[in-house]
N, C-alpha and C. Protein backbone atom coordinates (compact mmCIF):
# COMPACT_ATOMS: atom_id res chain seq x y z
N LYS A 1 92.61 98.18 107.95
CA LYS A 1 92.47 99.60 107.76
C LYS A 1 91.92 100.22 109.04
N ILE A 2 92.26 101.49 109.23
CA ILE A 2 91.86 102.19 110.44
C ILE A 2 91.19 103.50 110.05
N TYR A 3 90.01 103.75 110.63
CA TYR A 3 89.24 104.94 110.32
C TYR A 3 88.80 105.64 111.59
N ARG A 4 88.59 106.94 111.50
CA ARG A 4 87.94 107.69 112.58
C ARG A 4 86.61 108.17 112.01
N LEU A 5 85.52 107.83 112.70
CA LEU A 5 84.19 108.21 112.27
C LEU A 5 83.70 109.38 113.11
N HIS A 6 83.25 110.45 112.44
CA HIS A 6 82.79 111.66 113.12
C HIS A 6 81.28 111.77 113.04
N GLY A 7 80.67 112.37 114.06
CA GLY A 7 79.23 112.56 114.10
C GLY A 7 78.83 113.96 113.66
N GLU A 8 77.54 114.26 113.80
CA GLU A 8 76.99 115.54 113.37
C GLU A 8 77.63 116.73 114.07
N SER A 9 78.03 116.55 115.31
CA SER A 9 78.63 117.65 116.08
C SER A 9 80.05 117.95 115.63
N GLY A 10 80.62 117.08 114.80
CA GLY A 10 82.01 117.24 114.37
C GLY A 10 82.99 116.48 115.23
N HIS A 11 82.51 115.97 116.37
CA HIS A 11 83.38 115.21 117.27
C HIS A 11 83.55 113.77 116.76
N ALA A 12 84.69 113.19 117.10
CA ALA A 12 84.95 111.80 116.75
C ALA A 12 84.04 110.89 117.57
N LEU A 13 83.38 109.95 116.91
CA LEU A 13 82.53 108.99 117.61
C LEU A 13 83.32 107.75 117.99
N VAL A 14 84.00 107.16 117.01
CA VAL A 14 84.77 105.93 117.25
C VAL A 14 85.96 105.89 116.31
N ASP A 15 86.98 105.16 116.74
CA ASP A 15 88.06 104.76 115.85
C ASP A 15 87.78 103.31 115.51
N LEU A 16 87.87 102.98 114.24
CA LEU A 16 87.42 101.69 113.74
C LEU A 16 88.55 100.96 113.04
N MET A 17 88.80 99.71 113.43
CA MET A 17 89.77 98.86 112.74
C MET A 17 89.01 97.76 112.02
N ILE A 18 89.28 97.61 110.71
CA ILE A 18 88.63 96.57 109.92
C ILE A 18 89.67 95.91 109.02
N LEU A 19 89.33 94.73 108.56
CA LEU A 19 90.17 94.06 107.57
C LEU A 19 90.00 94.74 106.22
N SER A 20 91.00 94.66 105.38
CA SER A 20 90.92 95.29 104.06
C SER A 20 89.82 94.67 103.20
N THR A 21 89.39 93.46 103.56
CA THR A 21 88.34 92.77 102.80
C THR A 21 86.94 93.13 103.28
N GLU A 22 86.83 93.81 104.44
CA GLU A 22 85.53 94.18 104.98
C GLU A 22 85.00 95.46 104.34
N GLU A 23 83.68 95.64 104.44
CA GLU A 23 83.05 96.83 103.90
C GLU A 23 83.56 98.07 104.62
N GLN A 24 83.92 99.08 103.85
CA GLN A 24 84.45 100.31 104.42
C GLN A 24 83.32 101.25 104.79
N PRO A 25 83.49 102.03 105.86
CA PRO A 25 82.44 102.97 106.26
C PRO A 25 82.29 104.09 105.24
N GLU A 26 81.05 104.57 105.07
CA GLU A 26 80.77 105.66 104.15
C GLU A 26 79.98 106.74 104.86
N VAL A 27 80.18 107.98 104.44
CA VAL A 27 79.46 109.11 105.01
C VAL A 27 77.96 108.92 104.78
N GLY A 28 77.18 109.08 105.85
CA GLY A 28 75.73 109.00 105.77
C GLY A 28 75.15 107.59 105.76
N LYS A 29 76.00 106.58 105.68
CA LYS A 29 75.53 105.20 105.65
C LYS A 29 75.71 104.56 107.03
N ARG A 30 74.65 103.92 107.54
CA ARG A 30 74.69 103.27 108.85
C ARG A 30 75.77 102.19 108.86
N PHE A 31 76.55 102.16 109.94
CA PHE A 31 77.65 101.19 110.05
C PHE A 31 77.63 100.62 111.46
N LEU A 32 77.65 99.29 111.56
CA LEU A 32 77.64 98.62 112.86
C LEU A 32 79.07 98.41 113.34
N CYS A 33 79.37 98.99 114.50
CA CYS A 33 80.70 98.85 115.11
C CYS A 33 80.60 97.90 116.29
N ARG A 34 81.59 97.05 116.44
CA ARG A 34 81.62 96.10 117.55
C ARG A 34 82.82 96.35 118.44
N HIS A 35 82.62 96.17 119.72
CA HIS A 35 83.71 96.34 120.68
C HIS A 35 84.74 95.23 120.45
N PRO A 36 86.04 95.56 120.52
CA PRO A 36 87.06 94.55 120.23
C PRO A 36 87.15 93.42 121.25
N PHE A 37 86.68 93.65 122.49
CA PHE A 37 86.82 92.63 123.53
C PHE A 37 85.50 92.15 124.11
N ILE A 38 84.46 92.97 124.01
CA ILE A 38 83.16 92.61 124.58
C ILE A 38 82.20 92.37 123.42
N GLU A 39 81.99 91.10 123.10
CA GLU A 39 81.24 90.71 121.91
C GLU A 39 79.84 91.31 121.85
N ARG A 40 79.18 91.43 123.00
CA ARG A 40 77.79 91.91 123.02
C ARG A 40 77.68 93.43 122.89
N LYS A 41 78.79 94.13 123.06
CA LYS A 41 78.77 95.59 123.02
C LYS A 41 78.92 96.05 121.57
N ARG A 42 77.89 96.74 121.06
CA ARG A 42 77.87 97.20 119.68
C ARG A 42 77.28 98.60 119.61
N ALA A 43 77.58 99.30 118.54
CA ALA A 43 76.99 100.62 118.32
C ALA A 43 76.80 100.83 116.83
N ALA A 44 75.62 101.28 116.46
CA ALA A 44 75.35 101.62 115.06
C ALA A 44 75.58 103.12 114.90
N VAL A 45 76.43 103.51 113.98
CA VAL A 45 76.72 104.92 113.76
C VAL A 45 76.45 105.28 112.30
N ARG A 46 76.11 106.54 112.10
CA ARG A 46 75.92 107.08 110.75
C ARG A 46 76.86 108.28 110.66
N PRO A 47 78.09 108.05 110.21
CA PRO A 47 79.10 109.12 110.23
C PRO A 47 78.80 110.24 109.23
N THR A 48 79.16 111.46 109.65
CA THR A 48 79.07 112.60 108.75
C THR A 48 80.43 112.88 108.10
N ARG A 49 81.45 112.23 108.66
CA ARG A 49 82.81 112.36 108.11
C ARG A 49 83.57 111.09 108.43
N VAL A 50 84.34 110.58 107.46
CA VAL A 50 85.14 109.38 107.63
C VAL A 50 86.58 109.72 107.27
N VAL A 51 87.51 109.50 108.21
CA VAL A 51 88.91 109.82 107.99
C VAL A 51 89.74 108.54 108.10
N GLU A 52 90.50 108.24 107.07
CA GLU A 52 91.40 107.08 107.12
C GLU A 52 92.64 107.51 107.90
N LEU A 53 92.97 106.76 108.96
CA LEU A 53 94.06 107.15 109.86
C LEU A 53 95.40 106.53 109.51
N HIS A 54 95.40 105.41 108.85
CA HIS A 54 96.65 104.70 108.58
C HIS A 54 97.04 104.82 107.11
N HIS A 55 98.26 105.25 106.88
CA HIS A 55 98.79 105.33 105.53
C HIS A 55 100.18 104.70 105.53
N THR A 56 100.51 103.96 104.50
CA THR A 56 101.84 103.36 104.39
C THR A 56 102.81 104.43 103.94
N ALA A 57 103.81 104.74 104.78
CA ALA A 57 104.78 105.78 104.47
C ALA A 57 106.05 105.20 103.86
N PHE A 58 106.41 103.97 104.27
CA PHE A 58 107.61 103.32 103.78
C PHE A 58 107.28 101.89 103.36
N GLU A 59 107.89 101.44 102.30
CA GLU A 59 107.71 100.05 101.87
C GLU A 59 108.98 99.59 101.17
N ASN A 60 109.52 98.48 101.66
CA ASN A 60 110.76 97.92 101.11
C ASN A 60 111.87 98.96 101.08
N GLY A 61 111.97 99.77 102.14
CA GLY A 61 113.03 100.76 102.25
C GLY A 61 112.83 102.01 101.42
N LYS A 62 111.69 102.14 100.76
CA LYS A 62 111.44 103.32 99.93
C LYS A 62 110.35 104.19 100.56
N VAL A 63 110.52 105.49 100.41
CA VAL A 63 109.55 106.45 100.94
C VAL A 63 108.39 106.55 99.97
N LEU A 64 107.16 106.31 100.46
CA LEU A 64 105.96 106.39 99.62
C LEU A 64 105.25 107.72 99.79
N GLU A 65 105.40 108.36 100.93
CA GLU A 65 104.76 109.64 101.22
C GLU A 65 105.81 110.59 101.77
N ASN A 66 105.62 111.86 101.52
CA ASN A 66 106.52 112.85 102.11
C ASN A 66 106.28 112.87 103.61
N VAL A 67 107.34 112.95 104.37
CA VAL A 67 107.24 113.00 105.82
C VAL A 67 106.93 114.44 106.21
N ALA A 68 105.93 114.62 107.06
CA ALA A 68 105.52 115.95 107.50
C ALA A 68 106.59 116.59 108.37
N SER A 69 106.67 117.89 108.30
CA SER A 69 107.60 118.63 109.16
C SER A 69 107.10 118.57 110.60
N LEU A 70 107.93 118.97 111.52
CA LEU A 70 107.53 118.97 112.93
C LEU A 70 106.35 119.90 113.15
N GLU A 71 106.36 121.06 112.53
CA GLU A 71 105.25 122.02 112.68
C GLU A 71 103.96 121.47 112.08
N GLU A 72 104.04 120.80 110.92
CA GLU A 72 102.85 120.20 110.31
C GLU A 72 102.29 119.09 111.19
N SER A 73 103.17 118.29 111.78
CA SER A 73 102.74 117.22 112.69
C SER A 73 102.08 117.80 113.93
N ARG A 74 102.65 118.85 114.47
CA ARG A 74 102.09 119.50 115.66
C ARG A 74 100.69 120.04 115.36
N GLN A 75 100.50 120.67 114.21
CA GLN A 75 99.21 121.22 113.82
C GLN A 75 98.18 120.11 113.63
N TYR A 76 98.60 119.00 113.02
CA TYR A 76 97.70 117.85 112.80
C TYR A 76 97.21 117.30 114.14
N VAL A 77 98.12 117.15 115.10
CA VAL A 77 97.74 116.63 116.42
C VAL A 77 96.76 117.58 117.10
N LYS A 78 97.00 118.88 117.02
CA LYS A 78 96.07 119.85 117.61
C LYS A 78 94.68 119.73 116.99
N GLU A 79 94.62 119.58 115.67
CA GLU A 79 93.33 119.43 114.99
C GLU A 79 92.61 118.16 115.43
N GLN A 80 93.36 117.06 115.56
CA GLN A 80 92.76 115.80 115.98
C GLN A 80 92.26 115.89 117.42
N LEU A 81 93.01 116.52 118.29
CA LEU A 81 92.59 116.66 119.69
C LEU A 81 91.34 117.53 119.81
N SER A 82 91.20 118.52 118.94
CA SER A 82 90.02 119.39 119.00
C SER A 82 88.75 118.65 118.57
N CYS A 83 88.90 117.52 117.88
CA CYS A 83 87.74 116.72 117.44
C CYS A 83 87.26 115.73 118.50
N LEU A 84 88.04 115.55 119.56
CA LEU A 84 87.66 114.59 120.59
C LEU A 84 86.71 115.23 121.59
N ARG A 85 85.79 114.42 122.09
CA ARG A 85 84.84 114.90 123.09
C ARG A 85 85.59 115.20 124.40
N ALA A 86 85.11 116.20 125.11
CA ALA A 86 85.75 116.61 126.37
C ALA A 86 85.74 115.51 127.42
N ASP A 87 84.70 114.65 127.41
CA ASP A 87 84.59 113.62 128.45
C ASP A 87 85.58 112.46 128.27
N ILE A 88 86.29 112.41 127.17
CA ILE A 88 87.27 111.33 127.00
C ILE A 88 88.71 111.83 127.06
N LEU A 89 88.88 113.15 127.18
CA LEU A 89 90.22 113.72 127.31
C LEU A 89 90.66 113.72 128.77
N ARG A 90 91.94 113.52 128.98
CA ARG A 90 92.49 113.60 130.33
C ARG A 90 92.90 115.04 130.60
N PRO A 91 92.70 115.50 131.84
CA PRO A 91 93.07 116.90 132.16
C PRO A 91 94.57 117.10 132.16
């Protein structure tokens, strides 16, 4: 599963990948995040908002979710970009 954890400022703190068997992050509950490649690098976060980023749209050739229109997709991307901190965006 993939989540985006937001902080008090409303900005995204981290994107988190976990196994479906692992404990899922919850709003207001401390969660320890580990760097995927540097074992010693960790961060404890207390998210104010948790957004699940991955949804299964197709399975066995069948549509499970309605596909968003181009305009809906464009609006979603703009909203997501506005949640990112300025220091991690490229000019």
